[in-house]
Each structure stands twice: as C-alpha cells, then as structure tokens.
C-alpha cells in the first residue's frame, strides 16, 4: 500500500479524476488498512500503518444520488477499524485518552449508517426494487452496525485490564513478600473479604 502510494488520497494528492479508479484505490487502501489493523490486534502488535501516515479518504457511498448499501456499511466498519488501530497503537503505552469519546462518536456514526440503510430499504421496498438478497444484507448490516461501538468498548476495557495486570501482579508479590518477612501467613485479600462478609 505504501509503495504504490495508496496511503495518499487519489484525488487530492495524485490528481486522479476517473471516479471508478478513485473509488477502487480508496476501497483497496481501506481493505489493506483493515487487514493490517486486525492482524495487529490478533497478534498483540502495533499496526504497520499508523493513523498519521495516510490521508486517503473513505470511499464515496452515494453515487449519482443513490446510496450504495455495501459502501455505507463498509465506511462505518472502516471507522470502527480506525478506532481499533488507535487502540492497538496506544495499548503498549497504556494510554487510552480520548478513546471513550471516539467510541461515542462511532456509535453516532453507526446509528446514522443504520438509519440510512433502513431508509434506503424502505424506499426500495416502495418501488418494488428491493431484492431478497439486498434485504437480507441490509438486515445483517444494521445488526452488525449496532455491535461496533459495544465491541470497541469491550476491547478498550480488555486492553485496560491487560495493561494493568502486570502492575497488580507486582503489587500482589510485594504484599506476599512483606507478609512473609513479618512472619505472617500470606493471605489473599479476596478470600479475606469473603470471609468477613459471612
């Protein structure tokens, strides 16, 4: 992607005017970006493509006044992937400032996309132009759009836990060492709190 300059927008940087070529280059870049981000998330590594290393715009989802349902869904998914990329980049540092606000923004974006898809579906039904395949796709896409913000929130919390576990384990070992140096039996604070409740 970087070698063939897909990271630079085909219109503003390359000056490409053919709308089909512009759309193809944008979709190709965002698919590569998604693959890189999901691979880094799966392998617990920082992504190769960082947020400040590209300016490629999202694909156009309305062409000649007509919404493309696939691109409407993909653009919302790419926004989810942007958030995941940022999460992967920041998880090693243990800093997650601003991610909660961006999850709220993602929720608003996905809600808007779901509304657009439902509106498109209704218009196509009224015109008897909605195929069963398209109706199923829109139903599935709306369902998926409603999960992206929740999934991002879960991943954020998992990363917070993952980055804080070494600190908690270190505190627990120090606490055990201190207890044993005083000649006391090391007690588990969780077990102690449960026995106090009884």
C-alpha atoms as a PDB file:
ATOM      1  CA  UNK A   1       0.000   0.000   0.000  1.00  0.00           C
ATOM      2  CA  UNK A   2       2.811   2.394   0.872  1.00  0.00           C
ATOM      3  CA  UNK A   3       4.949   1.517  -2.147  1.00  0.00           C
ATOM      4  CA  UNK A   4       2.170   2.269  -4.650  1.00  0.00           C
ATOM      5  CA  UNK A   5       1.122   5.315  -2.600  1.00  0.00           C
ATOM      6  CA  UNK A   6      -2.340   4.046  -1.689  1.00  0.00           C
ATOM      7  CA  UNK A   7      -1.810   5.883   1.601  1.00  0.00           C
ATOM      8  CA  UNK A   8      -2.207   9.183  -0.272  1.00  0.00           C
ATOM      9  CA  UNK A   9      -5.671  10.187  -1.477  1.00  0.00           C
ATOM     10  CA  UNK A  10      -6.129   9.566  -5.213  1.00  0.00           C
ATOM     11  CA  UNK A  11      -7.967  12.843  -5.801  1.00  0.00           C
ATOM     12  CA  UNK A  12      -6.219  15.402  -3.605  1.00  0.00           C
ATOM     13  CA  UNK A  13      -2.669  14.010  -3.839  1.00  0.00           C
ATOM     14  CA  UNK A  14      -2.493  12.069  -7.108  1.00  0.00           C
ATOM     15  CA  UNK A  15      -4.939  14.255  -9.051  1.00  0.00           C
ATOM     16  CA  UNK A  16      -6.825  11.247 -10.438  1.00  0.00           C
ATOM     17  CA  UNK A  17     -10.160  12.294 -11.920  1.00  0.00           C
ATOM     18  CA  UNK A  18     -11.634   8.940 -13.001  1.00  0.00           C
ATOM     19  CA  UNK A  19     -14.274   8.246 -10.299  1.00  0.00           C
ATOM     20  CA  UNK A  20     -14.064   4.463 -10.765  1.00  0.00           C
ATOM     21  CA  UNK A  21     -10.284   4.449 -10.292  1.00  0.00           C
ATOM     22  CA  UNK A  22     -10.542   6.807  -7.299  1.00  0.00           C
ATOM     23  CA  UNK A  23     -13.156   4.568  -5.680  1.00  0.00           C
ATOM     24  CA  UNK A  24     -11.135   1.401  -6.389  1.00  0.00           C
ATOM     25  CA  UNK A  25      -7.941   2.844  -4.895  1.00  0.00           C
ATOM     26  CA  UNK A  26      -9.787   4.034  -1.796  1.00  0.00           C
ATOM     27  CA  UNK A  27     -11.509   0.684  -1.233  1.00  0.00           C
ATOM     28  CA  UNK A  28      -8.232  -1.173  -1.769  1.00  0.00           C
ATOM     29  CA  UNK A  29      -6.387   1.027   0.732  1.00  0.00           C
ATOM     30  CA  UNK A  30      -9.085   0.703   3.398  1.00  0.00           C
ATOM     31  CA  UNK A  31      -9.225  -3.074   2.974  1.00  0.00           C
ATOM     32  CA  UNK A  32      -5.435  -3.264   3.442  1.00  0.00           C
ATOM     33  CA  UNK A  33      -5.699  -0.920   6.432  1.00  0.00           C
ATOM     34  CA  UNK A  34      -8.383  -3.149   7.951  1.00  0.00           C
ATOM     35  CA  UNK A  35      -6.291  -6.281   7.399  1.00  0.00           C
ATOM     36  CA  UNK A  36      -3.218  -4.646   8.977  1.00  0.00           C
ATOM     37  CA  UNK A  37      -5.201  -3.435  11.993  1.00  0.00           C
ATOM     38  CA  UNK A  38      -6.984  -6.726  12.636  1.00  0.00           C
ATOM     39  CA  UNK A  39      -3.706  -8.639  12.265  1.00  0.00           C
ATOM     40  CA  UNK A  40      -2.025  -6.361  14.794  1.00  0.00           C
ATOM     41  CA  UNK A  41      -4.969  -6.719  17.179  1.00  0.00           C
ATOM     42  CA  UNK A  42      -4.885 -10.511  16.880  1.00  0.00           C
ATOM     43  CA  UNK A  43      -1.089 -10.718  17.377  1.00  0.00           C
ATOM     44  CA  UNK A  44      -0.907  -8.016  20.066  1.00  0.00           C
ATOM     45  CA  UNK A  45       1.467  -5.906  17.953  1.00  0.00           C
ATOM     46  CA  UNK A  46       1.361  -2.268  16.899  1.00  0.00           C
ATOM     47  CA  UNK A  47      -0.121  -1.752  13.425  1.00  0.00           C
ATOM     48  CA  UNK A  48       2.213  -1.129  10.482  1.00  0.00           C
ATOM     49  CA  UNK A  49       0.005   1.641   9.072  1.00  0.00           C
ATOM     50  CA  UNK A  50      -0.316   4.421  11.643  1.00  0.00           C
ATOM     51  CA  UNK A  51      -3.102   6.997  11.675  1.00  0.00           C
ATOM     52  CA  UNK A  52      -0.772   9.894  10.855  1.00  0.00           C
ATOM     53  CA  UNK A  53       0.773   8.116   7.845  1.00  0.00           C
ATOM     54  CA  UNK A  54      -2.138   8.349   5.399  1.00  0.00           C
ATOM     55  CA  UNK A  55      -4.724  10.805   4.096  1.00  0.00           C
ATOM     56  CA  UNK A  56      -6.821   8.525   1.888  1.00  0.00           C
ATOM     57  CA  UNK A  57     -10.500   9.449   2.213  1.00  0.00           C
ATOM     58  CA  UNK A  58     -13.217   6.887   2.745  1.00  0.00           C
ATOM     59  CA  UNK A  59     -14.961   5.595  -0.399  1.00  0.00           C
ATOM     60  CA  UNK A  60     -17.978   7.562  -1.629  1.00  0.00           C
ATOM     61  CA  UNK A  61     -21.179   5.834  -0.546  1.00  0.00           C
ATOM     62  CA  UNK A  62     -23.670   7.935  -2.538  1.00  0.00           C
ATOM     63  CA  UNK A  63     -23.127   7.785  -6.299  1.00  0.00           C
ATOM     64  CA  UNK A  64     -25.426   9.736  -8.635  1.00  0.00           C
ATOM     65  CA  UNK A  65     -27.872  10.334  -5.806  1.00  0.00           C
ATOM     66  CA  UNK A  66     -28.164   6.626  -4.970  1.00  0.00           C
ATOM     67  CA  UNK A  67     -26.871   5.088  -1.719  1.00  0.00           C
ATOM     68  CA  UNK A  68     -24.641   2.041  -2.137  1.00  0.00           C
ATOM     69  CA  UNK A  69     -25.599  -0.150   0.872  1.00  0.00           C
ATOM     70  CA  UNK A  70     -22.328  -2.114   0.800  1.00  0.00           C
ATOM     71  CA  UNK A  71     -20.197   1.027   0.944  1.00  0.00           C
ATOM     72  CA  UNK A  72     -22.429   2.575   3.591  1.00  0.00           C
ATOM     73  CA  UNK A  73     -21.755  -0.455   5.785  1.00  0.00           C
ATOM     74  CA  UNK A  74     -18.051  -0.612   4.893  1.00  0.00           C
ATOM     75  CA  UNK A  75     -17.463   3.058   5.725  1.00  0.00           C
ATOM     76  CA  UNK A  76     -18.914   2.556   9.202  1.00  0.00           C
ATOM     77  CA  UNK A  77     -16.793  -0.580   9.574  1.00  0.00           C
ATOM     78  CA  UNK A  78     -13.687   1.346   8.492  1.00  0.00           C
ATOM     79  CA  UNK A  79     -14.425   3.921  11.210  1.00  0.00           C
ATOM     80  CA  UNK A  80     -14.554   1.040  13.678  1.00  0.00           C
ATOM     81  CA  UNK A  81     -11.208  -0.186  12.323  1.00  0.00           C
ATOM     82  CA  UNK A  82      -9.754   3.339  12.738  1.00  0.00           C
ATOM     83  CA  UNK A  83     -10.647   3.129  16.412  1.00  0.00           C
ATOM     84  CA  UNK A  84      -9.104  -0.346  16.681  1.00  0.00           C
ATOM     85  CA  UNK A  85      -5.931   0.948  15.031  1.00  0.00           C
ATOM     86  CA  UNK A  86      -5.677   3.691  17.622  1.00  0.00           C
ATOM     87  CA  UNK A  87      -6.361   1.191  20.395  1.00  0.00           C
ATOM     88  CA  UNK A  88      -3.600  -1.126  19.109  1.00  0.00           C
ATOM     89  CA  UNK A  89      -1.184   1.794  18.819  1.00  0.00           C
ATOM     90  CA  UNK A  90      -1.845   3.016  22.356  1.00  0.00           C
ATOM     91  CA  UNK A  91      -2.146  -0.300  24.196  1.00  0.00           C
ATOM     92  CA  UNK A  92       1.629  -0.769  24.585  1.00  0.00           C
ATOM     93  CA  UNK A  93       1.885   2.719  26.082  1.00  0.00           C
ATOM     94  CA  UNK A  94      -1.046   2.116  28.418  1.00  0.00           C
ATOM     95  CA  UNK A  95      -2.614   5.439  27.462  1.00  0.00           C
ATOM     96  CA  UNK A  96      -6.204   5.489  26.310  1.00  0.00           C
ATOM     97  CA  UNK A  97      -7.110   9.181  26.474  1.00  0.00           C
ATOM     98  CA  UNK A  98      -9.977  10.219  24.248  1.00  0.00           C
ATOM     99  CA  UNK A  99     -10.958   6.698  23.181  1.00  0.00           C
ATOM    100  CA  UNK A 100     -14.225   6.732  25.129  1.00  0.00           C
ATOM    101  CA  UNK A 101     -15.279   9.902  23.307  1.00  0.00           C
ATOM    102  CA  UNK A 102     -14.378   8.339  19.972  1.00  0.00           C
ATOM    103  CA  UNK A 103     -16.430   5.265  20.854  1.00  0.00           C
ATOM    104  CA  UNK A 104     -19.419   7.576  21.419  1.00  0.00           C
ATOM    105  CA  UNK A 105     -18.694   9.180  18.025  1.00  0.00           C
ATOM    106  CA  UNK A 106     -18.503   5.711  16.463  1.00  0.00           C
ATOM    107  CA  UNK A 107     -21.884   4.859  17.971  1.00  0.00           C
ATOM    108  CA  UNK A 108     -23.395   8.026  16.448  1.00  0.00           C
ATOM    109  CA  UNK A 109     -21.812   7.226  13.066  1.00  0.00           C
ATOM    110  CA  UNK A 110     -23.088   3.639  13.101  1.00  0.00           C
ATOM    111  CA  UNK A 111     -26.556   4.787  14.124  1.00  0.00           C
ATOM    112  CA  UNK A 112     -26.570   7.232  11.195  1.00  0.00           C
ATOM    113  CA  UNK A 113     -25.463   4.493   8.790  1.00  0.00           C
ATOM    114  CA  UNK A 114     -28.138   2.126  10.111  1.00  0.00           C
ATOM    115  CA  UNK A 115     -30.773   4.820   9.621  1.00  0.00           C
ATOM    116  CA  UNK A 116     -29.530   5.426   6.065  1.00  0.00           C
ATOM    117  CA  UNK A 117     -29.699   1.709   5.295  1.00  0.00           C
ATOM    118  CA  UNK A 118     -33.206   1.387   6.748  1.00  0.00           C
ATOM    119  CA  UNK A 119     -34.349   4.428   4.770  1.00  0.00           C
ATOM    120  CA  UNK A 120     -32.822   3.004   1.574  1.00  0.00           C
ATOM    121  CA  UNK A 121     -34.511  -0.346   2.248  1.00  0.00           C
ATOM    122  CA  UNK A 122     -37.883   1.331   2.749  1.00  0.00           C
ATOM    123  CA  UNK A 123     -37.523   3.362  -0.479  1.00  0.00           C
ATOM    124  CA  UNK A 124     -36.560   0.260  -2.446  1.00  0.00           C
ATOM    125  CA  UNK A 125     -39.495  -1.703  -0.982  1.00  0.00           C
ATOM    126  CA  UNK A 126     -41.927   1.028  -2.009  1.00  0.00           C
ATOM    127  CA  UNK A 127     -40.502   0.962  -5.535  1.00  0.00           C
ATOM    128  CA  UNK A 128     -40.587  -2.879  -5.590  1.00  0.00           C
ATOM    129  CA  UNK A 129     -36.848  -2.792  -6.329  1.00  0.00           C
ATOM    130  CA  UNK A 130     -35.511  -4.490  -3.196  1.00  0.00           C
ATOM    131  CA  UNK A 131     -34.196  -7.971  -3.899  1.00  0.00           C
ATOM    132  CA  UNK A 132     -34.337 -10.645  -1.175  1.00  0.00           C
ATOM    133  CA  UNK A 133     -30.530 -10.758  -1.149  1.00  0.00           C
ATOM    134  CA  UNK A 134     -30.327  -6.987  -0.661  1.00  0.00           C
ATOM    135  CA  UNK A 135     -32.966  -7.097   2.085  1.00  0.00           C
ATOM    136  CA  UNK A 136     -31.014  -9.813   3.947  1.00  0.00           C
ATOM    137  CA  UNK A 137     -27.749  -7.901   3.539  1.00  0.00           C
ATOM    138  CA  UNK A 138     -29.284  -4.687   4.933  1.00  0.00           C
ATOM    139  CA  UNK A 139     -30.797  -6.577   7.859  1.00  0.00           C
ATOM    140  CA  UNK A 140     -27.405  -8.153   8.638  1.00  0.00           C
ATOM    141  CA  UNK A 141     -25.533  -4.847   8.145  1.00  0.00           C
ATOM    142  CA  UNK A 142     -27.843  -2.973  10.536  1.00  0.00           C
ATOM    143  CA  UNK A 143     -27.348  -5.721  13.112  1.00  0.00           C
ATOM    144  CA  UNK A 144     -23.551  -5.513  12.737  1.00  0.00           C
ATOM    145  CA  UNK A 145     -23.556  -1.698  12.878  1.00  0.00           C
ATOM    146  CA  UNK A 146     -25.279  -1.911  16.245  1.00  0.00           C
ATOM    147  CA  UNK A 147     -22.393  -4.019  17.615  1.00  0.00           C
ATOM    148  CA  UNK A 148     -19.346  -1.952  16.592  1.00  0.00           C
ATOM    149  CA  UNK A 149     -19.417   0.570  19.464  1.00  0.00           C
ATOM    150  CA  UNK A 150     -20.028  -2.180  22.035  1.00  0.00           C
ATOM    151  CA  UNK A 151     -17.178  -4.254  20.619  1.00  0.00           C
ATOM    152  CA  UNK A 152     -14.858  -1.224  20.709  1.00  0.00           C
ATOM    153  CA  UNK A 153     -15.826  -0.572  24.332  1.00  0.00           C
ATOM    154  CA  UNK A 154     -15.128  -4.200  25.288  1.00  0.00           C
ATOM    155  CA  UNK A 155     -11.745  -4.110  23.554  1.00  0.00           C
ATOM    156  CA  UNK A 156     -10.885  -0.870  25.330  1.00  0.00           C
ATOM    157  CA  UNK A 157     -11.703  -2.417  28.713  1.00  0.00           C
ATOM    158  CA  UNK A 158      -9.784  -5.596  27.895  1.00  0.00           C
ATOM    159  CA  UNK A 159      -6.742  -3.509  26.965  1.00  0.00           C
ATOM    160  CA  UNK A 160      -7.012  -1.503  30.169  1.00  0.00           C
ATOM    161  CA  UNK A 161      -7.115  -4.744  32.169  1.00  0.00           C
ATOM    162  CA  UNK A 162      -4.253  -6.239  30.152  1.00  0.00           C
ATOM    163  CA  UNK A 163      -2.006  -3.228  30.717  1.00  0.00           C
ATOM    164  CA  UNK A 164      -2.830  -3.021  34.427  1.00  0.00           C
ATOM    165  CA  UNK A 165      -2.337  -6.740  35.182  1.00  0.00           C
ATOM    166  CA  UNK A 166       1.486  -6.582  35.478  1.00  0.00           C
ATOM    167  CA  UNK A 167       1.154  -3.730  37.987  1.00  0.00           C
ATOM    168  CA  UNK A 168      -1.448  -5.635  40.006  1.00  0.00           C
ATOM    169  CA  UNK A 169       0.656  -8.809  39.972  1.00  0.00           C
ATOM    170  CA  UNK A 170       3.737  -6.855  41.099  1.00  0.00           C
ATOM    171  CA  UNK A 171       1.738  -5.340  43.977  1.00  0.00           C
ATOM    172  CA  UNK A 172       0.459  -8.780  44.943  1.00  0.00           C
ATOM    173  CA  UNK A 173       4.012 -10.238  45.002  1.00  0.00           C
ATOM    174  CA  UNK A 174       5.273  -7.322  47.111  1.00  0.00           C
ATOM    175  CA  UNK A 175       2.380  -7.767  49.503  1.00  0.00           C
ATOM    176  CA  UNK A 176       3.152 -11.504  49.836  1.00  0.00           C
ATOM    177  CA  UNK A 177       6.865 -10.808  50.398  1.00  0.00           C
ATOM    178  CA  UNK A 178       6.073  -8.241  53.064  1.00  0.00           C
ATOM    179  CA  UNK A 179       3.683 -10.638  54.811  1.00  0.00           C
ATOM    180  CA  UNK A 180       6.199 -13.489  54.793  1.00  0.00           C
ATOM    181  CA  UNK A 181       9.045 -11.212  56.013  1.00  0.00           C
ATOM    182  CA  UNK A 182       6.908 -10.312  59.044  1.00  0.00           C
ATOM    183  CA  UNK A 183       6.357 -13.995  59.720  1.00  0.00           C
ATOM    184  CA  UNK A 184       2.693 -13.791  58.828  1.00  0.00           C
ATOM    185  CA  UNK A 185       0.880 -16.251  56.624  1.00  0.00           C
ATOM    186  CA  UNK A 186       0.262 -14.505  53.267  1.00  0.00           C
ATOM    187  CA  UNK A 187      -3.468 -14.059  52.980  1.00  0.00           C
ATOM    188  CA  UNK A 188      -5.466 -13.479  49.855  1.00  0.00           C
ATOM    189  CA  UNK A 189      -7.393 -10.180  50.198  1.00  0.00           C
ATOM    190  CA  UNK A 190     -10.277 -11.562  48.123  1.00  0.00           C
ATOM    191  CA  UNK A 191     -10.686 -14.602  50.371  1.00  0.00           C
ATOM    192  CA  UNK A 192     -10.404 -12.369  53.445  1.00  0.00           C
ATOM    193  CA  UNK A 193     -13.157 -10.048  52.200  1.00  0.00           C
ATOM    194  CA  UNK A 194     -15.452 -13.024  51.511  1.00  0.00           C
ATOM    195  CA  UNK A 195     -14.917 -14.480  54.984  1.00  0.00           C
ATOM    196  CA  UNK A 196     -15.678 -11.075  56.552  1.00  0.00           C
ATOM    197  CA  UNK A 197     -18.996 -10.944  54.699  1.00  0.00           C
ATOM    198  CA  UNK A 198     -20.110 -14.204  56.340  1.00  0.00           C
END
